[in-house]
Amino acid sequence: MRKSIVINEDQLFTDFKKLSTERKKEVADFIAYLKVKEEIEVTKEILKDKDLLKSIMRGDEDFKAGRFKKWSEVKENV
């Protein structure tokens, strides 16, 4: 069983403000790394789902063939 972790964002930002410039750069680098890691994980999940991947590829082919509607046209009916 995983323990729930409570994140106090206010405290997080307060602590961040107290760090040296060098440590803030390290935090920024680590956040950038985590963001890329998360994006890669999501991409891997999409690639595992063959039906979703096929759907994306068909959509890409439709777009290249000009079979699409402009957002301005679609949003009027949403």
N, C-alpha and C. Protein backbone atom coordinates (compact mmCIF):
# COMPACT_ATOMS: atom_id res chain seq x y z
N MET A 1 0.84 -1.19 0.00
CA MET A 1 0.00 0.00 0.00
C MET A 1 0.88 1.25 0.00
N ARG A 2 0.54 2.19 -0.84
CA ARG A 2 1.33 3.42 -0.90
C ARG A 2 0.79 4.43 0.10
N LYS A 3 1.70 5.15 0.70
CA LYS A 3 1.32 6.23 1.61
C LYS A 3 0.96 7.47 0.81
N SER A 4 -0.07 8.14 1.23
CA SER A 4 -0.43 9.40 0.59
C SER A 4 0.56 10.48 1.04
N ILE A 5 1.00 11.22 0.08
CA ILE A 5 1.93 12.31 0.39
C ILE A 5 1.19 13.62 0.22
N VAL A 6 1.20 14.43 1.26
CA VAL A 6 0.54 15.73 1.20
C VAL A 6 1.61 16.77 0.87
N ILE A 7 1.33 17.55 -0.15
CA ILE A 7 2.27 18.59 -0.56
C ILE A 7 1.71 19.95 -0.18
N ASN A 8 2.47 20.66 0.61
CA ASN A 8 2.09 22.00 1.00
C ASN A 8 2.82 22.96 0.05
N GLU A 9 2.12 23.38 -1.00
CA GLU A 9 2.76 24.21 -2.02
C GLU A 9 3.23 25.55 -1.47
N ASP A 10 2.47 26.12 -0.55
CA ASP A 10 2.89 27.39 0.04
C ASP A 10 4.24 27.25 0.73
N GLN A 11 4.39 26.16 1.50
CA GLN A 11 5.65 25.92 2.19
C GLN A 11 6.77 25.63 1.19
N LEU A 12 6.42 24.92 0.15
CA LEU A 12 7.39 24.60 -0.88
C LEU A 12 7.96 25.88 -1.51
N PHE A 13 7.08 26.79 -1.85
CA PHE A 13 7.53 28.05 -2.45
C PHE A 13 8.29 28.92 -1.43
N THR A 14 7.85 28.89 -0.19
CA THR A 14 8.55 29.64 0.86
C THR A 14 9.98 29.11 1.01
N ASP A 15 10.10 27.78 1.05
CA ASP A 15 11.43 27.18 1.16
C ASP A 15 12.29 27.48 -0.06
N PHE A 16 11.67 27.43 -1.24
CA PHE A 16 12.40 27.71 -2.47
C PHE A 16 12.99 29.12 -2.45
N LYS A 17 12.20 30.07 -1.98
CA LYS A 17 12.66 31.47 -1.94
C LYS A 17 13.89 31.64 -1.05
N LYS A 18 14.04 30.76 -0.08
CA LYS A 18 15.16 30.87 0.86
C LYS A 18 16.45 30.25 0.32
N LEU A 19 16.37 29.53 -0.78
CA LEU A 19 17.55 28.89 -1.33
C LEU A 19 18.48 29.89 -2.01
N SER A 20 19.74 29.49 -2.11
CA SER A 20 20.71 30.31 -2.86
C SER A 20 20.37 30.22 -4.35
N THR A 21 20.91 31.15 -5.11
CA THR A 21 20.68 31.16 -6.55
C THR A 21 21.15 29.86 -7.17
N GLU A 22 22.28 29.35 -6.72
CA GLU A 22 22.82 28.10 -7.26
C GLU A 22 21.86 26.94 -7.00
N ARG A 23 21.32 26.86 -5.79
CA ARG A 23 20.37 25.78 -5.46
C ARG A 23 19.07 25.95 -6.25
N LYS A 24 18.64 27.19 -6.46
CA LYS A 24 17.44 27.42 -7.27
C LYS A 24 17.64 26.92 -8.69
N LYS A 25 18.85 27.09 -9.23
CA LYS A 25 19.15 26.58 -10.57
C LYS A 25 19.08 25.06 -10.58
N GLU A 26 19.57 24.42 -9.52
CA GLU A 26 19.52 22.97 -9.42
C GLU A 26 18.07 22.48 -9.36
N VAL A 27 17.24 23.19 -8.60
CA VAL A 27 15.82 22.83 -8.51
C VAL A 27 15.17 22.98 -9.88
N ALA A 28 15.47 24.08 -10.58
CA ALA A 28 14.89 24.31 -11.90
C ALA A 28 15.32 23.21 -12.88
N ASP A 29 16.58 22.82 -12.81
CA ASP A 29 17.07 21.73 -13.67
C ASP A 29 16.35 20.43 -13.36
N PHE A 30 16.16 20.14 -12.08
CA PHE A 30 15.50 18.90 -11.68
C PHE A 30 14.04 18.90 -12.12
N ILE A 31 13.38 20.04 -12.00
CA ILE A 31 11.98 20.15 -12.46
C ILE A 31 11.91 19.93 -13.96
N ALA A 32 12.85 20.50 -14.71
CA ALA A 32 12.87 20.31 -16.16
C ALA A 32 13.07 18.83 -16.49
N TYR A 33 13.96 18.16 -15.75
CA TYR A 33 14.18 16.73 -15.93
C TYR A 33 12.90 15.94 -15.66
N LEU A 34 12.22 16.23 -14.57
CA LEU A 34 10.99 15.52 -14.22
C LEU A 34 9.91 15.74 -15.27
N LYS A 35 9.83 16.95 -15.80
CA LYS A 35 8.84 17.25 -16.84
C LYS A 35 9.08 16.40 -18.08
N VAL A 36 10.32 16.33 -18.52
CA VAL A 36 10.66 15.52 -19.69
C VAL A 36 10.40 14.05 -19.41
N LYS A 37 10.76 13.60 -18.21
CA LYS A 37 10.54 12.20 -17.83
C LYS A 37 9.06 11.85 -17.89
N GLU A 38 8.22 12.74 -17.38
CA GLU A 38 6.77 12.52 -17.41
C GLU A 38 6.25 12.47 -18.84
N GLU A 39 6.75 13.38 -19.69
CA GLU A 39 6.33 13.41 -21.09
C GLU A 39 6.73 12.11 -21.80
N ILE A 40 7.90 11.60 -21.49
CA ILE A 40 8.36 10.34 -22.10
C ILE A 40 7.48 9.19 -21.63
N GLU A 41 7.13 9.18 -20.34
CA GLU A 41 6.27 8.12 -19.81
C GLU A 41 4.90 8.13 -20.50
N VAL A 42 4.35 9.31 -20.71
CA VAL A 42 3.05 9.43 -21.39
C VAL A 42 3.18 8.94 -22.83
N THR A 43 4.26 9.32 -23.48
CA THR A 43 4.49 8.89 -24.86
C THR A 43 4.58 7.36 -24.94
N LYS A 44 5.28 6.76 -23.98
CA LYS A 44 5.39 5.30 -23.95
C LYS A 44 4.03 4.65 -23.78
N GLU A 45 3.19 5.24 -22.94
CA GLU A 45 1.84 4.70 -22.73
C GLU A 45 1.03 4.77 -24.02
N ILE A 46 1.14 5.87 -24.74
CA ILE A 46 0.42 6.02 -26.02
C ILE A 46 0.92 4.98 -27.01
N LEU A 47 2.23 4.79 -27.08
CA LEU A 47 2.80 3.83 -28.02
C LEU A 47 2.40 2.39 -27.71
N LYS A 48 2.13 2.09 -26.44
CA LYS A 48 1.69 0.75 -26.04
C LYS A 48 0.26 0.48 -26.49
N ASP A 49 -0.55 1.53 -26.58
CA ASP A 49 -1.96 1.38 -26.95
C ASP A 49 -2.07 1.40 -28.47
N LYS A 50 -2.10 0.22 -29.08
CA LYS A 50 -2.07 0.12 -30.55
C LYS A 50 -3.28 0.79 -31.20
N ASP A 51 -4.47 0.67 -30.58
CA ASP A 51 -5.67 1.30 -31.16
C ASP A 51 -5.54 2.82 -31.15
N LEU A 52 -5.07 3.36 -30.04
CA LEU A 52 -4.88 4.81 -29.95
C LEU A 52 -3.84 5.28 -30.95
N LEU A 53 -2.76 4.53 -31.07
CA LEU A 53 -1.71 4.90 -32.01
C LEU A 53 -2.24 4.89 -33.45
N LYS A 54 -3.02 3.88 -33.80
CA LYS A 54 -3.62 3.82 -35.14
C LYS A 54 -4.54 5.02 -35.37
N SER A 55 -5.31 5.37 -34.36
CA SER A 55 -6.21 6.52 -34.46
C SER A 55 -5.44 7.82 -34.69
N ILE A 56 -4.35 7.97 -33.97
CA ILE A 56 -3.51 9.16 -34.13
C ILE A 56 -2.93 9.21 -35.55
N MET A 57 -2.47 8.07 -36.02
CA MET A 57 -1.88 8.01 -37.37
C MET A 57 -2.94 8.33 -38.43
N ARG A 58 -4.17 7.82 -38.26
CA ARG A 58 -5.23 8.14 -39.21
C ARG A 58 -5.53 9.63 -39.18
N GLY A 59 -5.55 10.21 -37.99
CA GLY A 59 -5.79 11.64 -37.87
C GLY A 59 -4.71 12.45 -38.56
N ASP A 60 -3.47 11.99 -38.43
CA ASP A 60 -2.36 12.66 -39.09
C ASP A 60 -2.51 12.58 -40.61
N GLU A 61 -2.90 11.40 -41.10
CA GLU A 61 -3.12 11.24 -42.55
C GLU A 61 -4.27 12.13 -43.03
N ASP A 62 -5.35 12.20 -42.23
CA ASP A 62 -6.47 13.07 -42.60
C ASP A 62 -6.02 14.52 -42.69
N PHE A 63 -5.23 14.94 -41.71
CA PHE A 63 -4.75 16.32 -41.70
C PHE A 63 -3.91 16.61 -42.93
N LYS A 64 -2.99 15.70 -43.24
CA LYS A 64 -2.11 15.89 -44.42
C LYS A 64 -2.92 15.93 -45.71
N ALA A 65 -4.04 15.20 -45.74
CA ALA A 65 -4.88 15.15 -46.94
C ALA A 65 -5.88 16.30 -46.97
N GLY A 66 -5.86 17.15 -45.93
CA GLY A 66 -6.75 18.30 -45.90
C GLY A 66 -8.14 17.99 -45.39
N ARG A 67 -8.31 16.82 -44.79
CA ARG A 67 -9.62 16.45 -44.24
C ARG A 67 -9.70 16.86 -42.77
N PHE A 68 -10.02 18.12 -42.57
CA PHE A 68 -10.16 18.64 -41.21
C PHE A 68 -11.02 19.89 -41.24
N LYS A 69 -11.48 20.29 -40.06
CA LYS A 69 -12.25 21.53 -39.93
C LYS A 69 -11.44 22.50 -39.10
N LYS A 70 -11.62 23.75 -39.39
CA LYS A 70 -10.95 24.79 -38.61
C LYS A 70 -11.61 24.89 -37.25
N TRP A 71 -10.82 25.18 -36.23
CA TRP A 71 -11.33 25.30 -34.87
C TRP A 71 -12.43 26.37 -34.80
N SER A 72 -12.27 27.45 -35.54
CA SER A 72 -13.26 28.52 -35.52
C SER A 72 -14.63 28.02 -35.97
N GLU A 73 -14.65 27.05 -36.88
CA GLU A 73 -15.91 26.47 -37.33
C GLU A 73 -16.50 25.51 -36.29
N VAL A 74 -15.63 24.75 -35.67
CA VAL A 74 -16.08 23.74 -34.70
C VAL A 74 -16.58 24.40 -33.42
N LYS A 75 -15.87 25.40 -32.93
CA LYS A 75 -16.22 25.98 -31.63
C LYS A 75 -17.58 26.65 -31.62
N GLU A 76 -18.08 27.03 -32.79
CA GLU A 76 -19.41 27.64 -32.86
C GLU A 76 -20.49 26.64 -32.44
N ASN A 77 -20.23 25.35 -32.63
CA ASN A 77 -21.21 24.30 -32.32
C ASN A 77 -20.94 23.61 -30.99
N VAL A 78 -19.96 24.08 -30.27
CA VAL A 78 -19.61 23.44 -28.99
C VAL A 78 -20.29 24.14 -27.85
